C-alpha atoms as a PDB file:
ATOM      1  CA  UNK A   1     223.441 -14.321 149.881  1.00  0.00           C
ATOM      2  CA  UNK A   2     224.527 -12.389 146.734  1.00  0.00           C
ATOM      3  CA  UNK A   3     221.410 -10.285 146.453  1.00  0.00           C
ATOM      4  CA  UNK A   4     222.342  -8.445 149.605  1.00  0.00           C
ATOM      5  CA  UNK A   5     225.407  -6.171 150.282  1.00  0.00           C
ATOM      6  CA  UNK A   6     226.491  -4.008 153.201  1.00  0.00           C
ATOM      7  CA  UNK A   7     225.956  -0.200 153.064  1.00  0.00           C
ATOM      8  CA  UNK A   8     228.498   1.316 155.347  1.00  0.00           C
ATOM      9  CA  UNK A   9     227.866   4.811 156.889  1.00  0.00           C
ATOM     10  CA  UNK A  10     230.519   6.607 159.055  1.00  0.00           C
ATOM     11  CA  UNK A  11     233.738   5.464 160.579  1.00  0.00           C
ATOM     12  CA  UNK A  12     233.895   2.126 162.364  1.00  0.00           C
ATOM     13  CA  UNK A  13     234.649   2.201 166.195  1.00  0.00           C
ATOM     14  CA  UNK A  14     232.519   5.278 166.627  1.00  0.00           C
ATOM     15  CA  UNK A  15     228.887   5.818 167.714  1.00  0.00           C
ATOM     16  CA  UNK A  16     228.119   7.321 164.355  1.00  0.00           C
ATOM     17  CA  UNK A  17     228.992   4.221 162.376  1.00  0.00           C
ATOM     18  CA  UNK A  18     226.135   2.194 160.851  1.00  0.00           C
ATOM     19  CA  UNK A  19     225.945  -0.886 158.596  1.00  0.00           C
ATOM     20  CA  UNK A  20     222.809  -1.401 156.614  1.00  0.00           C
ATOM     21  CA  UNK A  21     221.954  -4.338 154.400  1.00  0.00           C
ATOM     22  CA  UNK A  22     220.675  -3.403 150.990  1.00  0.00           C
ATOM     23  CA  UNK A  23     219.121  -5.402 148.163  1.00  0.00           C
ATOM     24  CA  UNK A  24     220.078  -5.318 144.482  1.00  0.00           C
ATOM     25  CA  UNK A  25     217.749  -2.320 144.002  1.00  0.00           C
ATOM     26  CA  UNK A  26     219.871  -0.359 146.639  1.00  0.00           C
ATOM     27  CA  UNK A  27     216.877  -0.356 149.013  1.00  0.00           C
ATOM     28  CA  UNK A  28     217.921  -0.815 152.669  1.00  0.00           C
ATOM     29  CA  UNK A  29     216.371  -3.894 154.329  1.00  0.00           C
ATOM     30  CA  UNK A  30     216.008  -5.168 157.799  1.00  0.00           C
ATOM     31  CA  UNK A  31     218.631  -7.871 158.671  1.00  0.00           C
ATOM     32  CA  UNK A  32     216.105  -9.207 161.278  1.00  0.00           C
ATOM     33  CA  UNK A  33     212.792  -9.251 159.361  1.00  0.00           C
ATOM     34  CA  UNK A  34     213.541  -9.235 155.586  1.00  0.00           C
ATOM     35  CA  UNK A  35     216.405 -11.873 155.438  1.00  0.00           C
ATOM     36  CA  UNK A  36     214.792 -15.404 155.146  1.00  0.00           C
ATOM     37  CA  UNK A  37     215.618 -17.721 157.931  1.00  0.00           C
ATOM     38  CA  UNK A  38     216.201 -20.595 155.651  1.00  0.00           C
ATOM     39  CA  UNK A  39     218.693 -20.515 152.633  1.00  0.00           C
ATOM     40  CA  UNK A  40     217.621 -24.217 151.872  1.00  0.00           C
ATOM     41  CA  UNK A  41     215.019 -25.653 154.220  1.00  0.00           C
ATOM     42  CA  UNK A  42     215.102 -29.044 152.660  1.00  0.00           C
ATOM     43  CA  UNK A  43     218.768 -29.368 153.480  1.00  0.00           C
ATOM     44  CA  UNK A  44     218.416 -27.550 156.931  1.00  0.00           C
ATOM     45  CA  UNK A  45     220.774 -24.713 155.714  1.00  0.00           C
ATOM     46  CA  UNK A  46     220.003 -21.411 157.507  1.00  0.00           C
ATOM     47  CA  UNK A  47     221.005 -17.809 157.051  1.00  0.00           C
ATOM     48  CA  UNK A  48     223.010 -16.116 159.765  1.00  0.00           C
ATOM     49  CA  UNK A  49     223.615 -12.445 160.052  1.00  0.00           C
ATOM     50  CA  UNK A  50     227.092 -11.605 161.489  1.00  0.00           C
ATOM     51  CA  UNK A  51     226.776  -8.762 163.888  1.00  0.00           C
ATOM     52  CA  UNK A  52     228.688  -6.683 166.287  1.00  0.00           C
ATOM     53  CA  UNK A  53     225.812  -4.521 167.389  1.00  0.00           C
ATOM     54  CA  UNK A  54     226.335  -1.238 169.233  1.00  0.00           C
ATOM     55  CA  UNK A  55     229.716   0.361 170.023  1.00  0.00           C
ATOM     56  CA  UNK A  56     230.836  -2.335 172.776  1.00  0.00           C
ATOM     57  CA  UNK A  57     233.970  -4.141 173.001  1.00  0.00           C
ATOM     58  CA  UNK A  58     233.988  -7.404 175.037  1.00  0.00           C
ATOM     59  CA  UNK A  59     236.577  -7.717 177.667  1.00  0.00           C
ATOM     60  CA  UNK A  60     239.577 -10.089 177.209  1.00  0.00           C
ATOM     61  CA  UNK A  61     238.988 -12.641 179.966  1.00  0.00           C
ATOM     62  CA  UNK A  62     242.117 -14.848 179.916  1.00  0.00           C
ATOM     63  CA  UNK A  63     242.704 -16.921 178.062  1.00  0.00           C
ATOM     64  CA  UNK A  64     240.052 -15.789 175.606  1.00  0.00           C
ATOM     65  CA  UNK A  65     240.812 -12.635 173.512  1.00  0.00           C
ATOM     66  CA  UNK A  66     237.655 -11.019 172.260  1.00  0.00           C
ATOM     67  CA  UNK A  67     234.954 -13.225 170.583  1.00  0.00           C
ATOM     68  CA  UNK A  68     236.054 -16.815 170.072  1.00  0.00           C
ATOM     69  CA  UNK A  69     233.734 -17.534 167.140  1.00  0.00           C
ATOM     70  CA  UNK A  70     231.710 -15.466 164.659  1.00  0.00           C
ATOM     71  CA  UNK A  71     228.774 -14.040 166.624  1.00  0.00           C
ATOM     72  CA  UNK A  72     225.449 -13.285 164.979  1.00  0.00           C
ATOM     73  CA  UNK A  73     221.834 -13.912 164.937  1.00  0.00           C
ATOM     74  CA  UNK A  74     219.182 -15.971 163.045  1.00  0.00           C
ATOM     75  CA  UNK A  75     216.827 -13.638 161.046  1.00  0.00           C
ATOM     76  CA  UNK A  76     213.029 -14.124 161.425  1.00  0.00           C
ATOM     77  CA  UNK A  77     213.385 -15.613 164.960  1.00  0.00           C
ATOM     78  CA  UNK A  78     212.218 -13.968 168.301  1.00  0.00           C
ATOM     79  CA  UNK A  79     212.870 -15.044 171.916  1.00  0.00           C
ATOM     80  CA  UNK A  80     209.338 -13.983 173.224  1.00  0.00           C
ATOM     81  CA  UNK A  81     209.751 -12.075 176.637  1.00  0.00           C
ATOM     82  CA  UNK A  82     206.164 -13.102 177.560  1.00  0.00           C
ATOM     83  CA  UNK A  83     206.635 -16.877 177.217  1.00  0.00           C
ATOM     84  CA  UNK A  84     208.356 -18.969 179.789  1.00  0.00           C
ATOM     85  CA  UNK A  85     210.241 -22.029 178.396  1.00  0.00           C
ATOM     86  CA  UNK A  86     209.231 -25.192 179.970  1.00  0.00           C
ATOM     87  CA  UNK A  87     212.790 -26.544 180.148  1.00  0.00           C
ATOM     88  CA  UNK A  88     214.671 -23.306 181.216  1.00  0.00           C
ATOM     89  CA  UNK A  89     211.825 -22.139 183.449  1.00  0.00           C
ATOM     90  CA  UNK A  90     212.704 -18.436 182.236  1.00  0.00           C
ATOM     91  CA  UNK A  91     211.111 -16.013 179.759  1.00  0.00           C
ATOM     92  CA  UNK A  92     212.790 -15.024 176.435  1.00  0.00           C
ATOM     93  CA  UNK A  93     215.161 -12.077 176.177  1.00  0.00           C
ATOM     94  CA  UNK A  94     213.201 -10.215 173.520  1.00  0.00           C
ATOM     95  CA  UNK A  95     215.925 -10.636 170.735  1.00  0.00           C
ATOM     96  CA  UNK A  96     216.430 -12.743 167.790  1.00  0.00           C
ATOM     97  CA  UNK A  97     218.247 -15.980 168.458  1.00  0.00           C
ATOM     98  CA  UNK A  98     222.061 -15.623 168.977  1.00  0.00           C
ATOM     99  CA  UNK A  99     224.343 -17.746 166.879  1.00  0.00           C
ATOM    100  CA  UNK A 100     228.064 -18.921 167.443  1.00  0.00           C
ATOM    101  CA  UNK A 101     229.489 -19.976 164.060  1.00  0.00           C
ATOM    102  CA  UNK A 102     232.684 -21.917 164.833  1.00  0.00           C
ATOM    103  CA  UNK A 103     234.230 -22.043 161.371  1.00  0.00           C
ATOM    104  CA  UNK A 104     237.868 -20.954 160.721  1.00  0.00           C
ATOM    105  CA  UNK A 105     237.038 -17.936 158.643  1.00  0.00           C
ATOM    106  CA  UNK A 106     236.510 -14.631 160.423  1.00  0.00           C
ATOM    107  CA  UNK A 107     233.303 -12.873 159.338  1.00  0.00           C
ATOM    108  CA  UNK A 108     232.528  -9.296 159.037  1.00  0.00           C
ATOM    109  CA  UNK A 109     229.615  -7.093 160.336  1.00  0.00           C
ATOM    110  CA  UNK A 110     226.603  -7.520 158.045  1.00  0.00           C
ATOM    111  CA  UNK A 111     227.882 -10.715 156.446  1.00  0.00           C
ATOM    112  CA  UNK A 112     225.197 -13.312 155.762  1.00  0.00           C
ATOM    113  CA  UNK A 113     226.541 -16.804 156.187  1.00  0.00           C
ATOM    114  CA  UNK A 114     224.889 -20.079 155.174  1.00  0.00           C
ATOM    115  CA  UNK A 115     225.241 -22.360 158.161  1.00  0.00           C
ATOM    116  CA  UNK A 116     224.138 -25.749 159.454  1.00  0.00           C
ATOM    117  CA  UNK A 117     223.004 -26.261 163.046  1.00  0.00           C
ATOM    118  CA  UNK A 118     225.048 -28.362 165.412  1.00  0.00           C
ATOM    119  CA  UNK A 119     223.612 -27.837 169.000  1.00  0.00           C
ATOM    120  CA  UNK A 120     222.594 -25.131 171.516  1.00  0.00           C
ATOM    121  CA  UNK A 121     223.374 -23.925 174.953  1.00  0.00           C
ATOM    122  CA  UNK A 122     220.887 -22.092 177.150  1.00  0.00           C
ATOM    123  CA  UNK A 123     222.431 -19.072 178.932  1.00  0.00           C
ATOM    124  CA  UNK A 124     220.435 -17.530 181.654  1.00  0.00           C
ATOM    125  CA  UNK A 125     221.351 -13.843 181.291  1.00  0.00           C
ATOM    126  CA  UNK A 126     219.803 -11.864 184.150  1.00  0.00           C
ATOM    127  CA  UNK A 127     216.956 -14.202 184.515  1.00  0.00           C
ATOM    128  CA  UNK A 128     216.079 -14.431 180.860  1.00  0.00           C
ATOM    129  CA  UNK A 129     216.658 -17.358 178.458  1.00  0.00           C
ATOM    130  CA  UNK A 130     219.196 -16.407 175.951  1.00  0.00           C
ATOM    131  CA  UNK A 131     219.791 -19.302 173.590  1.00  0.00           C
ATOM    132  CA  UNK A 132     223.233 -19.690 171.979  1.00  0.00           C
ATOM    133  CA  UNK A 133     222.904 -21.807 168.793  1.00  0.00           C
ATOM    134  CA  UNK A 134     226.107 -23.427 167.723  1.00  0.00           C
ATOM    135  CA  UNK A 135     226.532 -23.677 163.887  1.00  0.00           C
ATOM    136  CA  UNK A 136     229.260 -24.026 161.260  1.00  0.00           C
ATOM    137  CA  UNK A 137     229.534 -22.363 157.881  1.00  0.00           C
ATOM    138  CA  UNK A 138     228.466 -24.845 155.134  1.00  0.00           C
ATOM    139  CA  UNK A 139     231.674 -23.813 153.250  1.00  0.00           C
ATOM    140  CA  UNK A 140     234.077 -24.514 156.031  1.00  0.00           C
ATOM    141  CA  UNK A 141     236.673 -27.344 155.542  1.00  0.00           C
ATOM    142  CA  UNK A 142     235.346 -29.238 158.617  1.00  0.00           C
ATOM    143  CA  UNK A 143     231.579 -28.752 157.820  1.00  0.00           C
ATOM    144  CA  UNK A 144     231.209 -32.214 156.335  1.00  0.00           C
ATOM    145  CA  UNK A 145     232.639 -33.829 159.522  1.00  0.00           C
ATOM    146  CA  UNK A 146     230.359 -31.877 161.942  1.00  0.00           C
ATOM    147  CA  UNK A 147     226.739 -33.025 161.985  1.00  0.00           C
ATOM    148  CA  UNK A 148     225.708 -32.943 165.675  1.00  0.00           C
ATOM    149  CA  UNK A 149     227.074 -31.542 168.903  1.00  0.00           C
ATOM    150  CA  UNK A 150     229.173 -34.570 169.831  1.00  0.00           C
ATOM    151  CA  UNK A 151     231.236 -34.010 166.654  1.00  0.00           C
ATOM    152  CA  UNK A 152     232.386 -30.774 167.913  1.00  0.00           C
ATOM    153  CA  UNK A 153     234.346 -32.293 170.839  1.00  0.00           C
ATOM    154  CA  UNK A 154     235.732 -34.944 168.465  1.00  0.00           C
ATOM    155  CA  UNK A 155     237.108 -32.540 165.918  1.00  0.00           C
ATOM    156  CA  UNK A 156     237.441 -29.242 167.935  1.00  0.00           C
ATOM    157  CA  UNK A 157     238.145 -30.539 171.451  1.00  0.00           C
ATOM    158  CA  UNK A 158     237.667 -28.029 174.255  1.00  0.00           C
ATOM    159  CA  UNK A 159     235.592 -25.588 172.251  1.00  0.00           C
ATOM    160  CA  UNK A 160     232.258 -26.279 173.936  1.00  0.00           C
ATOM    161  CA  UNK A 161     233.916 -26.009 177.417  1.00  0.00           C
ATOM    162  CA  UNK A 162     235.732 -22.672 176.315  1.00  0.00           C
ATOM    163  CA  UNK A 163     232.343 -21.363 175.063  1.00  0.00           C
ATOM    164  CA  UNK A 164     230.632 -22.146 178.212  1.00  0.00           C
ATOM    165  CA  UNK A 165     233.319 -20.530 180.167  1.00  0.00           C
ATOM    166  CA  UNK A 166     233.404 -17.424 177.897  1.00  0.00           C
ATOM    167  CA  UNK A 167     229.680 -16.651 178.368  1.00  0.00           C
ATOM    168  CA  UNK A 168     229.864 -17.345 182.162  1.00  0.00           C
ATOM    169  CA  UNK A 169     232.573 -14.867 182.878  1.00  0.00           C
ATOM    170  CA  UNK A 170     232.592 -12.176 180.130  1.00  0.00           C
ATOM    171  CA  UNK A 171     230.460  -9.667 182.173  1.00  0.00           C
ATOM    172  CA  UNK A 172     232.554 -10.071 185.497  1.00  0.00           C
ATOM    173  CA  UNK A 173     235.154  -7.398 184.523  1.00  0.00           C
ATOM    174  CA  UNK A 174     232.146  -4.848 184.293  1.00  0.00           C
ATOM    175  CA  UNK A 175     231.164  -5.613 187.807  1.00  0.00           C
ATOM    176  CA  UNK A 176     228.313  -7.953 186.916  1.00  0.00           C
ATOM    177  CA  UNK A 177     227.753 -11.413 188.437  1.00  0.00           C
ATOM    178  CA  UNK A 178     228.654 -14.605 186.643  1.00  0.00           C
ATOM    179  CA  UNK A 179     226.161 -15.752 184.103  1.00  0.00           C
ATOM    180  CA  UNK A 180     224.321 -19.071 184.728  1.00  0.00           C
ATOM    181  CA  UNK A 181     223.312 -21.909 182.296  1.00  0.00           C
ATOM    182  CA  UNK A 182     220.249 -24.181 182.106  1.00  0.00           C
ATOM    183  CA  UNK A 183     221.047 -27.790 181.842  1.00  0.00           C
ATOM    184  CA  UNK A 184     224.192 -27.503 184.048  1.00  0.00           C
ATOM    185  CA  UNK A 185     225.912 -25.971 181.079  1.00  0.00           C
ATOM    186  CA  UNK A 186     225.327 -28.870 178.759  1.00  0.00           C
ATOM    187  CA  UNK A 187     225.061 -28.230 175.074  1.00  0.00           C
ATOM    188  CA  UNK A 188     221.873 -29.852 173.699  1.00  0.00           C
ATOM    189  CA  UNK A 189     222.060 -31.647 170.396  1.00  0.00           C
ATOM    190  CA  UNK A 190     221.065 -30.634 166.907  1.00  0.00           C
ATOM    191  CA  UNK A 191     217.428 -31.978 167.143  1.00  0.00           C
ATOM    192  CA  UNK A 192     216.783 -29.886 170.211  1.00  0.00           C
ATOM    193  CA  UNK A 193     218.391 -26.841 168.603  1.00  0.00           C
ATOM    194  CA  UNK A 194     216.134 -27.111 165.563  1.00  0.00           C
ATOM    195  CA  UNK A 195     213.115 -27.352 167.775  1.00  0.00           C
ATOM    196  CA  UNK A 196     214.273 -24.141 169.588  1.00  0.00           C
ATOM    197  CA  UNK A 197     214.680 -22.382 166.162  1.00  0.00           C
ATOM    198  CA  UNK A 198     211.338 -23.447 165.063  1.00  0.00           C
ATOM    199  CA  UNK A 199     209.717 -22.227 168.295  1.00  0.00           C
ATOM    200  CA  UNK A 200     211.406 -18.844 167.920  1.00  0.00           C
ATOM    201  CA  UNK A 201     210.521 -18.673 164.226  1.00  0.00           C
ATOM    202  CA  UNK A 202     206.794 -19.254 165.176  1.00  0.00           C
ATOM    203  CA  UNK A 203     207.188 -16.473 167.804  1.00  0.00           C
ATOM    204  CA  UNK A 204     208.576 -14.181 165.169  1.00  0.00           C
ATOM    205  CA  UNK A 205     205.611 -14.808 163.003  1.00  0.00           C
ATOM    206  CA  UNK A 206     203.308 -13.778 165.758  1.00  0.00           C
ATOM    207  CA  UNK A 207     205.411 -10.701 166.385  1.00  0.00           C
ATOM    208  CA  UNK A 208     205.456  -9.601 162.722  1.00  0.00           C
ATOM    209  CA  UNK A 209     201.780 -10.259 162.147  1.00  0.00           C
ATOM    210  CA  UNK A 210     200.801  -8.207 165.160  1.00  0.00           C
ATOM    211  CA  UNK A 211     199.495 -11.061 167.236  1.00  0.00           C
ATOM    212  CA  UNK A 212     202.252 -10.399 169.866  1.00  0.00           C
ATOM    213  CA  UNK A 213     202.839  -6.979 171.278  1.00  0.00           C
ATOM    214  CA  UNK A 214     206.104  -5.560 169.977  1.00  0.00           C
ATOM    215  CA  UNK A 215     206.719  -3.109 172.877  1.00  0.00           C
ATOM    216  CA  UNK A 216     209.938  -1.344 171.979  1.00  0.00           C
ATOM    217  CA  UNK A 217     210.986  -3.991 169.330  1.00  0.00           C
ATOM    218  CA  UNK A 218     211.377  -2.514 165.817  1.00  0.00           C
ATOM    219  CA  UNK A 219     209.346  -4.468 163.398  1.00  0.00           C
ATOM    220  CA  UNK A 220     209.743  -2.282 160.326  1.00  0.00           C
ATOM    221  CA  UNK A 221     210.397  -4.276 157.176  1.00  0.00           C
ATOM    222  CA  UNK A 222     210.289  -3.949 153.436  1.00  0.00           C
ATOM    223  CA  UNK A 223     209.230  -7.486 152.371  1.00  0.00           C
ATOM    224  CA  UNK A 224     206.665  -8.869 154.773  1.00  0.00           C
ATOM    225  CA  UNK A 225     203.595  -7.603 153.106  1.00  0.00           C
ATOM    226  CA  UNK A 226     200.525  -7.599 155.361  1.00  0.00           C
ATOM    227  CA  UNK A 227     202.768  -7.410 158.468  1.00  0.00           C
ATOM    228  CA  UNK A 228     202.207  -4.677 160.992  1.00  0.00           C
ATOM    229  CA  UNK A 229     205.671  -3.114 160.224  1.00  0.00           C
ATOM    230  CA  UNK A 230     205.629  -3.322 156.453  1.00  0.00           C
ATOM    231  CA  UNK A 231     206.621  -0.120 154.660  1.00  0.00           C
ATOM    232  CA  UNK A 232     207.282   1.515 158.015  1.00  0.00           C
ATOM    233  CA  UNK A 233     210.586   2.769 156.696  1.00  0.00           C
ATOM    234  CA  UNK A 234     210.872   5.037 153.643  1.00  0.00           C
ATOM    235  CA  UNK A 235     213.792   4.341 151.414  1.00  0.00           C
ATOM    236  CA  UNK A 236     214.843   7.857 151.541  1.00  0.00           C
ATOM    237  CA  UNK A 237     215.183   7.930 155.325  1.00  0.00           C
ATOM    238  CA  UNK A 238     218.165   5.705 155.223  1.00  0.00           C
ATOM    239  CA  UNK A 239     221.549   7.513 154.957  1.00  0.00           C
ATOM    240  CA  UNK A 240     223.493   7.155 151.730  1.00  0.00           C
ATOM    241  CA  UNK A 241     226.623   4.989 151.691  1.00  0.00           C
ATOM    242  CA  UNK A 242     229.435   7.081 153.324  1.00  0.00           C
ATOM    243  CA  UNK A 243     232.277   4.592 154.272  1.00  0.00           C
ATOM    244  CA  UNK A 244     235.135   6.074 156.330  1.00  0.00           C
ATOM    245  CA  UNK A 245     238.460   4.903 157.794  1.00  0.00           C
ATOM    246  CA  UNK A 246     238.130   3.177 161.170  1.00  0.00           C
ATOM    247  CA  UNK A 247     238.627   5.446 164.125  1.00  0.00           C
ATOM    248  CA  UNK A 248     241.524   4.461 166.468  1.00  0.00           C
ATOM    249  CA  UNK A 249     240.538   2.120 169.403  1.00  0.00           C
ATOM    250  CA  UNK A 250     241.511   3.040 172.900  1.00  0.00           C
ATOM    251  CA  UNK A 251     244.450   1.004 174.084  1.00  0.00           C
ATOM    252  CA  UNK A 252     242.470  -0.041 177.158  1.00  0.00           C
ATOM    253  CA  UNK A 253     240.449  -2.440 175.060  1.00  0.00           C
ATOM    254  CA  UNK A 254     243.431  -4.712 174.797  1.00  0.00           C
ATOM    255  CA  UNK A 255     243.718  -5.100 178.651  1.00  0.00           C
ATOM    256  CA  UNK A 256     243.727  -8.661 179.923  1.00  0.00           C
ATOM    257  CA  UNK A 257     241.337  -9.612 182.861  1.00  0.00           C
ATOM    258  CA  UNK A 258     242.224 -12.506 184.883  1.00  0.00           C
ATOM    259  CA  UNK A 259     239.201 -14.091 186.579  1.00  0.00           C
ATOM    260  CA  UNK A 260     240.098 -16.225 189.618  1.00  0.00           C
ATOM    261  CA  UNK A 261     238.082 -19.064 190.907  1.00  0.00           C
ATOM    262  CA  UNK A 262     237.089 -16.834 193.931  1.00  0.00           C
ATOM    263  CA  UNK A 263     235.227 -14.369 191.532  1.00  0.00           C
ATOM    264  CA  UNK A 264     233.121 -17.333 190.010  1.00  0.00           C
END
């Protein structure tokens, strides 16, 4: 979305680095609460915020090196930790909906992509429902050929299977157990995914309005007038832009981990 840009503060690859989104007036906004969910609801085109989050490098679990898609989240969605989903039998993970964008262009932190929904997987992460919505950038060369989950296997064979494996094993090198999936790992179709998005958008509305208890969730925003967190952040409390060169990354980050069948 052209009305937003990224404000960089500090050096990437350090704990001091931050990336804020700001509007045309130079005011910092919340990527979670202030960016609209839909870029064009009539065409089912959604906004996706590309994220890296806190300083954390995922392990290279052979044959996957780093993330195998652009990883981000849908704004104005919330996986309610007090609500048990009837199909997964597990409560939400208290985060916005995670999104895997499978197009060929590598995104950058803070980028807002316009995407269309193809399907969804239900990861059970430490007993919580952690949906992974599968989407493609509307500007990707393959976007016109991918309209539902079955099209992914037709045009990108093996990607769903690789994504399932990636999420199952990526925490094993850190000494954690294999993740599990609902639906035996099956990726549900576009219709089901859109229903999940709608449910999580409604949950976010309850969160923003104060009908749901936020707990430790930050609900500060600059655009949701009447919401509990509106105006909670003062413009001068956000650091000015101060981009710096990336810090070197420790060579151990490039280490490969080979997960044998006995581990999973």
